[in-house]
Protein backbone atom coordinates (compact mmCIF):
# COMPACT_ATOMS: atom_id res chain seq x y z
CA MET A 1 0.05 -0.01 -0.01
CA ASP A 2 1.30 3.46 -0.89
CA GLU A 3 -0.12 6.10 1.21
CA GLY A 4 2.62 8.61 0.42
CA ASN A 5 0.51 10.23 -2.30
CA MET A 6 -2.37 11.20 0.05
CA ASP A 7 -2.67 12.93 3.36
CA PRO A 8 -2.16 10.58 6.23
CA GLY A 9 -5.47 9.16 7.49
CA LYS A 10 -7.50 10.52 4.60
CA GLY A 11 -7.22 7.81 1.95
CA ILE A 12 -5.48 4.81 0.57
CA ASP A 13 -3.65 4.42 -2.71
CA ILE A 14 -3.66 0.81 -3.94
CA LYS A 15 -1.46 -0.52 -6.75
CA ILE A 16 -2.71 -3.62 -8.48
CA GLY A 17 -0.41 -5.53 -10.67
CA ILE A 18 -3.12 -6.65 -13.06
CA THR A 19 -0.88 -8.65 -15.36
CA GLU A 20 2.81 -9.23 -16.00
CA ASP A 21 2.28 -9.85 -19.71
CA CYS A 22 2.66 -7.34 -22.60
CA MET A 23 2.39 -7.39 -26.27
CA MET A 24 5.42 -5.07 -26.74
CA ASN A 25 9.13 -5.67 -26.46
CA CYS A 26 10.37 -2.24 -25.49
CA ARG A 27 14.12 -1.76 -25.63
CA TYR A 28 14.31 -0.44 -22.06
CA CYS A 29 11.63 -2.40 -20.26
CA PRO A 30 12.62 -4.82 -17.51
CA GLN A 31 9.16 -6.52 -17.61
CA LYS A 32 9.44 -10.32 -17.64
CA HIS A 33 6.32 -10.91 -20.01
CA ARG A 34 5.02 -13.76 -17.90
CA ASP A 35 1.43 -14.91 -18.23
CA LEU A 36 0.72 -13.96 -14.52
CA GLN A 37 -2.55 -12.17 -14.10
CA PHE A 38 -4.73 -10.92 -11.32
CA SER A 39 -7.61 -13.46 -11.14
CA LYS A 40 -11.35 -13.25 -10.67
CA GLU A 41 -11.04 -15.25 -7.37
CA LEU A 42 -8.97 -12.42 -5.84
CA VAL A 43 -11.58 -9.71 -6.61
CA GLY A 44 -13.94 -10.57 -3.71
CA PRO A 45 -11.31 -10.37 -0.96
CA LEU A 46 -9.87 -7.24 -2.49
CA VAL A 47 -13.16 -5.46 -2.56
CA ALA A 48 -14.06 -6.63 0.98
CA PHE A 49 -10.80 -5.20 2.19
CA LEU A 50 -11.27 -1.87 0.43
CA LYS A 51 -14.85 -1.52 1.65
CA GLY A 52 -13.72 -2.29 5.25
CA THR A 53 -11.18 0.67 5.26
CA GLY A 54 -13.91 3.26 5.23
CA LYS A 55 -11.51 5.58 3.48
CA PRO A 56 -11.40 7.03 0.04
CA ILE A 57 -9.59 4.78 -2.33
CA LYS A 58 -7.39 5.32 -5.46
CA ILE A 59 -6.76 2.16 -7.43
CA ASP A 60 -3.83 2.12 -9.89
CA PHE A 61 -3.67 -0.70 -12.31
CA PHE A 62 -0.39 -1.48 -13.76
CA GLY A 63 1.43 -4.25 -15.62
CA GLY A 64 2.84 -5.43 -18.14
CA GLU A 65 -0.03 -4.09 -20.28
CA PRO A 66 -3.06 -3.75 -17.97
CA LEU A 67 -5.57 -3.85 -20.94
CA LEU A 68 -4.62 -7.42 -21.54
CA ASN A 69 -6.62 -8.12 -18.44
CA TYR A 70 -9.42 -5.63 -19.08
CA GLY A 71 -12.17 -8.08 -18.11
CA ILE A 72 -10.87 -8.27 -14.56
CA ILE A 73 -10.40 -4.50 -14.44
CA ARG A 74 -14.01 -4.04 -15.32
CA HIS A 75 -14.98 -6.64 -12.83
CA ILE A 76 -13.08 -4.86 -10.03
CA VAL A 77 -14.75 -1.56 -11.00
CA GLU A 78 -18.26 -3.07 -11.10
CA ARG A 79 -17.72 -4.89 -7.75
CA CYS A 80 -16.50 -1.67 -6.17
CA LYS A 81 -19.58 0.19 -7.40
CA SER A 82 -22.03 -2.52 -6.27
CA GLN A 83 -20.36 -2.71 -2.79
CA ASN A 84 -20.33 1.13 -2.54
CA VAL A 85 -16.53 1.21 -2.04
CA PRO A 86 -15.63 4.89 -1.71
CA ILE A 87 -13.54 5.13 -4.90
CA GLU A 88 -11.83 8.48 -5.47
CA ASN A 89 -10.55 7.33 -8.90
CA PHE A 90 -8.93 4.67 -10.87
CA GLU A 91 -5.59 5.09 -12.67
CA LEU A 92 -4.06 3.16 -15.59
CA ILE A 93 -0.95 3.33 -17.49
CA THR A 94 -1.12 1.79 -20.95
CA ASN A 95 0.81 1.59 -24.19
CA GLY A 96 -2.56 2.24 -25.80
CA VAL A 97 -2.37 -0.51 -28.39
CA LEU A 98 -5.43 -2.30 -27.00
CA ALA A 99 -7.45 0.77 -26.21
CA ASP A 100 -10.55 1.32 -28.22
CA ARG A 101 -13.57 3.72 -28.06
CA GLU A 102 -15.58 1.26 -25.81
CA LYS A 103 -12.78 0.90 -23.38
CA ILE A 104 -12.01 4.56 -23.39
CA ASP A 105 -15.63 5.66 -22.87
CA TYR A 106 -16.10 3.15 -20.07
CA MET A 107 -13.02 4.21 -18.15
CA ALA A 108 -13.89 7.92 -18.68
CA GLN A 109 -17.35 7.31 -17.22
CA ASN A 110 -15.82 5.54 -14.25
CA ARG A 111 -13.33 8.11 -13.11
CA PHE A 112 -10.15 6.73 -14.69
CA LYS A 113 -7.03 8.78 -14.92
CA LEU A 114 -5.39 7.47 -18.06
CA GLN A 115 -1.74 7.75 -18.86
CA PHE A 116 -0.44 6.69 -22.24
CA SER A 117 3.18 5.64 -22.72
CA ILE A 118 4.59 7.16 -25.91
CA ASP A 119 8.18 7.86 -26.38
CA GLY A 120 8.04 10.99 -28.65
CA PRO A 121 7.79 11.28 -32.40
CA GLU A 122 7.13 8.16 -34.42
CA GLU A 123 10.70 7.47 -35.32
CA VAL A 124 11.85 7.71 -31.61
CA HIS A 125 8.86 5.78 -30.39
CA LEU A 126 9.20 2.90 -32.86
CA SER A 127 12.91 2.67 -32.23
CA ASN A 128 12.19 1.89 -28.54
CA ARG A 129 9.04 -0.16 -28.98
CA ARG A 130 8.70 -3.36 -31.03
CA SER A 131 5.22 -4.86 -31.24
CA ASN A 132 4.62 -8.55 -31.02
CA LEU A 133 1.43 -7.96 -33.00
CA THR A 134 2.09 -8.09 -36.67
CA GLY A 135 1.23 -4.99 -38.69
CA ILE A 136 0.58 -2.72 -35.73
CA ASN A 137 2.20 0.68 -35.60
CA SER A 138 1.98 1.51 -31.89
CA HIS A 139 2.82 5.14 -32.37
CA ARG A 140 -0.17 5.68 -34.83
CA LYS A 141 -2.47 3.56 -32.68
CA VAL A 142 -1.89 5.58 -29.49
CA MET A 143 -2.02 8.88 -31.32
CA ASN A 144 -5.43 7.84 -32.69
CA VAL A 145 -6.55 6.98 -29.18
CA ILE A 146 -5.22 10.38 -27.87
CA SER A 147 -7.11 12.22 -30.69
CA TYR A 148 -10.32 10.41 -29.76
CA MET A 149 -9.89 11.45 -26.14
CA ARG A 150 -9.21 15.03 -27.07
CA SER A 151 -12.34 15.06 -29.24
CA ARG A 152 -14.40 13.85 -26.29
CA GLY A 153 -12.73 16.17 -23.78
CA TYR A 154 -11.44 13.27 -21.69
CA PRO A 155 -8.33 14.03 -19.59
CA TYR A 156 -5.20 11.96 -20.13
CA SER A 157 -1.44 12.24 -19.50
CA VAL A 158 1.64 10.97 -21.38
CA TYR A 159 4.40 8.96 -19.95
CA ALA A 160 7.60 9.12 -21.99
CA VAL A 161 10.83 7.15 -21.52
CA PHE A 162 14.13 8.63 -22.83
CA HIS A 163 17.48 6.91 -22.65
CA ARG A 164 20.93 7.39 -24.01
CA ASN A 165 19.95 6.64 -27.51
CA THR A 166 16.97 8.99 -27.67
CA VAL A 167 17.46 11.88 -25.14
CA HIS A 168 18.97 13.92 -28.01
CA ARG A 169 15.28 14.08 -29.36
CA LEU A 170 13.75 15.70 -26.27
CA ASP A 171 12.92 18.93 -28.08
CA ASP A 172 11.24 17.06 -30.85
CA SER A 173 9.10 15.07 -28.42
CA MET A 174 7.32 17.80 -26.62
CA ASP A 175 4.71 18.65 -29.23
């Protein structure tokens, strides 16, 4: 539990490792790409614990790529709603490849703060990120998702990674 982001005694910030798997092979990522996922059987005890705290909750879903386990994310959200868990908001960091309008709309309606990992202009981004999905340009995909979010007025943020081979492109990446 990480309570460092909230005032002591006012709330709880929970980080849920929803999956360790990912469809990308990013040059810098230490993720092991194991097929370990948060399971449906764990949702009941998690929600019971959260409800029992009586405090506002922030839930941060991370991975691997969290949207690989989107069904469980939705299940957690719906169980929290049905049990009246005092959720302040949900957070999710994603590479955006599996995001679509249905998922984006659902998350926006359920107080998600979405953060997209994109490593600058297309050339820089693609030099860092190799997709395991044939024919997918992850930069174009995430830029299309961001464009949709802008058109709907949904808030989002960007998470960019720079390293020794790409730091010289910082100026190009801030558009």
